[in-house]
Amino acid sequence: MALHRSFRSAAVILALTGCTVIAHAQDAPLFPGEPLLDTCRVDLPLTYSKADKERYVQAARFLEDQELAYLRFDKKKGAATYTRVYVMVETSKDGSEVVYLETTDDHMRMGGAKQAFFPRYNKRTERFYQADCFDRQVAQHPELKEILTESGR
């Protein structure tokens, strides 16, 4: 009971001072060296489930103008492939929001048809990273280059 009261008091003090503490459980690393990319990781739970919709739409809106690295790890091969993408949010005719990814090449191309893709995110094998940070970390840690391969999609 005393622990509960002290925790509650600390929460009140943090709230009054404007501090926010967010506890986020870290997922197990996908591969050796993946923790070197933790500072670049962004939370985009693009599962397309109704339960996650509010969260992934909000995250997508926040990340809409940022290039991301979408990484998929193949446990059998021990290799990770990544694709440079932009997350897009569109409002459909019925007013619902649709979130999809498009490759950086498609995103930067002016005019013409663009291909949208709708990956079903799996936190056990996939991650999203802020691309500039991802590139810096890979450049600073050559051991990551042995595991990572860029793909067109």
Protein backbone atom coordinates (compact mmCIF):
# COMPACT_ATOMS: atom_id res chain seq x y z
CA MET A 1 0.00 0.00 0.00
CA ALA A 2 2.84 2.40 0.84
CA LEU A 3 4.42 1.71 -2.55
CA HIS A 4 1.12 2.51 -4.26
CA ARG A 5 0.85 5.85 -2.39
CA SER A 6 4.44 6.85 -3.18
CA PHE A 7 3.96 5.98 -6.85
CA ARG A 8 0.77 8.03 -6.89
CA SER A 9 2.53 10.96 -5.21
CA ALA A 10 5.34 10.82 -7.75
CA ALA A 11 2.81 10.80 -10.60
CA VAL A 12 1.08 13.87 -9.15
CA ILE A 13 4.40 15.70 -8.78
CA LEU A 14 5.37 14.84 -12.35
CA ALA A 15 1.98 16.03 -13.60
CA LEU A 16 2.26 19.29 -11.70
CA THR A 17 5.75 20.00 -13.00
CA GLY A 18 4.75 19.23 -16.57
CA CYS A 19 7.01 16.18 -16.86
CA THR A 20 5.79 13.12 -18.63
CA VAL A 21 7.18 9.65 -18.16
CA ILE A 22 6.26 7.06 -20.73
CA ALA A 23 7.11 3.44 -20.07
CA HIS A 24 7.68 1.59 -23.33
CA ALA A 25 8.61 -2.06 -23.27
CA GLN A 26 11.42 -2.78 -25.70
CA ASP A 27 10.89 -5.58 -28.14
CA ALA A 28 13.55 -8.26 -28.35
CA PRO A 29 16.23 -7.37 -30.93
CA LEU A 30 15.56 -8.81 -34.37
CA PHE A 31 19.24 -9.45 -35.04
CA PRO A 32 22.66 -8.78 -33.48
CA GLY A 33 23.39 -5.08 -33.83
CA GLU A 34 19.75 -4.03 -34.15
CA PRO A 35 19.88 -2.17 -30.81
CA LEU A 36 22.29 0.25 -32.53
CA LEU A 37 19.25 1.45 -34.48
CA ASP A 38 16.98 1.96 -31.44
CA THR A 39 17.42 5.74 -31.46
CA CYS A 40 16.11 5.82 -35.03
CA ARG A 41 13.06 3.67 -34.46
CA VAL A 42 9.58 5.12 -34.90
CA ASP A 43 6.34 3.61 -33.66
CA LEU A 44 4.03 2.92 -36.59
CA PRO A 45 1.86 -0.11 -35.73
CA LEU A 46 0.50 -0.50 -39.25
CA THR A 47 -1.49 -3.67 -38.52
CA TYR A 48 -4.72 -2.49 -40.17
CA SER A 49 -6.71 -3.91 -37.28
CA LYS A 50 -9.64 -1.89 -35.95
CA ALA A 51 -8.16 -1.97 -32.45
CA ASP A 52 -4.96 -0.22 -33.66
CA LYS A 53 -6.55 2.15 -36.20
CA GLU A 54 -6.61 5.31 -34.10
CA ARG A 55 -3.02 4.75 -33.03
CA TYR A 56 -1.60 3.99 -36.47
CA VAL A 57 -3.52 6.80 -38.18
CA GLN A 58 -2.25 9.30 -35.61
CA ALA A 59 1.32 8.00 -35.97
CA ALA A 60 1.03 8.08 -39.76
CA ARG A 61 -0.16 11.71 -39.73
CA PHE A 62 2.83 12.65 -37.57
CA LEU A 63 5.28 10.82 -39.88
CA GLU A 64 3.66 11.76 -43.20
CA ASP A 65 6.42 14.07 -44.46
CA GLN A 66 9.37 11.98 -43.28
CA GLU A 67 11.29 9.37 -45.21
CA LEU A 68 11.35 6.08 -43.33
CA ALA A 69 13.27 2.84 -43.60
CA TYR A 70 10.86 -0.09 -43.45
CA LEU A 71 12.87 -3.12 -42.33
CA ARG A 72 11.85 -6.78 -42.53
CA PHE A 73 13.95 -9.51 -40.92
CA ASP A 74 13.99 -13.08 -42.23
CA LYS A 75 14.92 -15.30 -39.28
CA LYS A 76 15.62 -18.33 -41.48
CA LYS A 77 18.12 -16.46 -43.65
CA GLY A 78 19.43 -14.24 -40.85
CA ALA A 79 19.12 -11.25 -43.17
CA ALA A 80 17.24 -7.99 -43.08
CA THR A 81 15.94 -6.09 -46.08
CA TYR A 82 14.75 -2.52 -45.95
CA THR A 83 12.86 -0.24 -48.25
CA ARG A 84 12.80 3.53 -48.21
CA VAL A 85 9.19 4.62 -47.89
CA TYR A 86 6.80 7.42 -47.09
CA VAL A 87 3.65 6.78 -45.12
CA MET A 88 0.58 8.36 -46.68
CA VAL A 89 -2.83 9.14 -45.21
CA GLU A 90 -5.78 9.71 -47.52
CA THR A 91 -9.40 10.39 -46.71
CA SER A 92 -11.75 8.23 -48.75
CA LYS A 93 -15.10 9.35 -50.13
CA ASP A 94 -16.92 7.93 -47.10
CA GLY A 95 -14.73 10.02 -44.77
CA SER A 96 -12.64 7.15 -43.41
CA GLU A 97 -8.88 7.45 -43.38
CA VAL A 98 -6.69 5.06 -45.33
CA VAL A 99 -3.01 4.62 -44.50
CA TYR A 100 -0.56 3.13 -46.98
CA LEU A 101 3.11 3.20 -47.92
CA GLU A 102 4.76 4.22 -51.13
CA THR A 103 8.42 3.86 -52.02
CA THR A 104 10.59 6.96 -51.94
CA ASP A 105 11.09 6.68 -55.71
CA ASP A 106 7.32 6.73 -56.28
CA HIS A 107 6.82 9.50 -53.75
CA MET A 108 9.41 11.76 -55.42
CA ARG A 109 8.22 11.12 -58.98
CA MET A 110 6.08 13.89 -60.34
CA GLY A 111 3.01 12.64 -62.18
CA GLY A 112 2.28 9.17 -63.45
CA ALA A 113 0.91 6.19 -61.60
CA LYS A 114 2.22 5.45 -58.14
CA GLN A 115 2.00 2.13 -56.41
CA ALA A 116 0.61 1.97 -52.89
CA PHE A 117 1.32 -0.99 -50.67
CA PHE A 118 -0.34 -2.12 -47.50
CA PRO A 119 2.04 -4.25 -45.43
CA ARG A 120 0.53 -5.97 -42.42
CA TYR A 121 3.07 -4.92 -39.78
CA ASN A 122 4.42 -7.66 -37.51
CA LYS A 123 6.43 -6.36 -34.54
CA ARG A 124 8.30 -9.68 -34.31
CA THR A 125 9.90 -9.30 -37.73
CA GLU A 126 9.50 -5.68 -38.85
CA ARG A 127 10.53 -2.18 -37.81
CA PHE A 128 10.21 1.39 -39.03
CA TYR A 129 13.12 3.82 -38.66
CA GLN A 130 13.64 7.49 -39.45
CA ALA A 131 15.73 7.21 -42.66
CA ASP A 132 18.37 9.90 -42.00
CA CYS A 133 19.15 8.49 -38.57
CA PHE A 134 19.14 4.94 -39.96
CA ASP A 135 21.68 5.94 -42.64
CA ARG A 136 23.97 7.61 -40.08
CA GLN A 137 23.92 4.58 -37.78
CA VAL A 138 24.62 2.15 -40.64
CA ALA A 139 27.51 4.35 -41.81
CA GLN A 140 28.98 4.44 -38.28
CA HIS A 141 28.58 0.69 -37.71
CA PRO A 142 29.84 -1.31 -40.71
CA GLU A 143 28.79 -4.59 -39.04
CA LEU A 144 25.18 -3.63 -39.81
CA LYS A 145 25.96 -3.63 -43.54
CA GLU A 146 26.62 -7.39 -43.36
CA ILE A 147 23.00 -8.02 -42.33
CA LEU A 148 21.14 -5.23 -44.15
CA THR A 149 20.18 -5.17 -47.82
CA GLU A 150 18.19 -2.40 -49.50
CA SER A 151 15.35 -3.58 -51.69
CA GLY A 152 13.02 -1.78 -54.04
CA ARG A 153 10.15 -3.28 -52.09
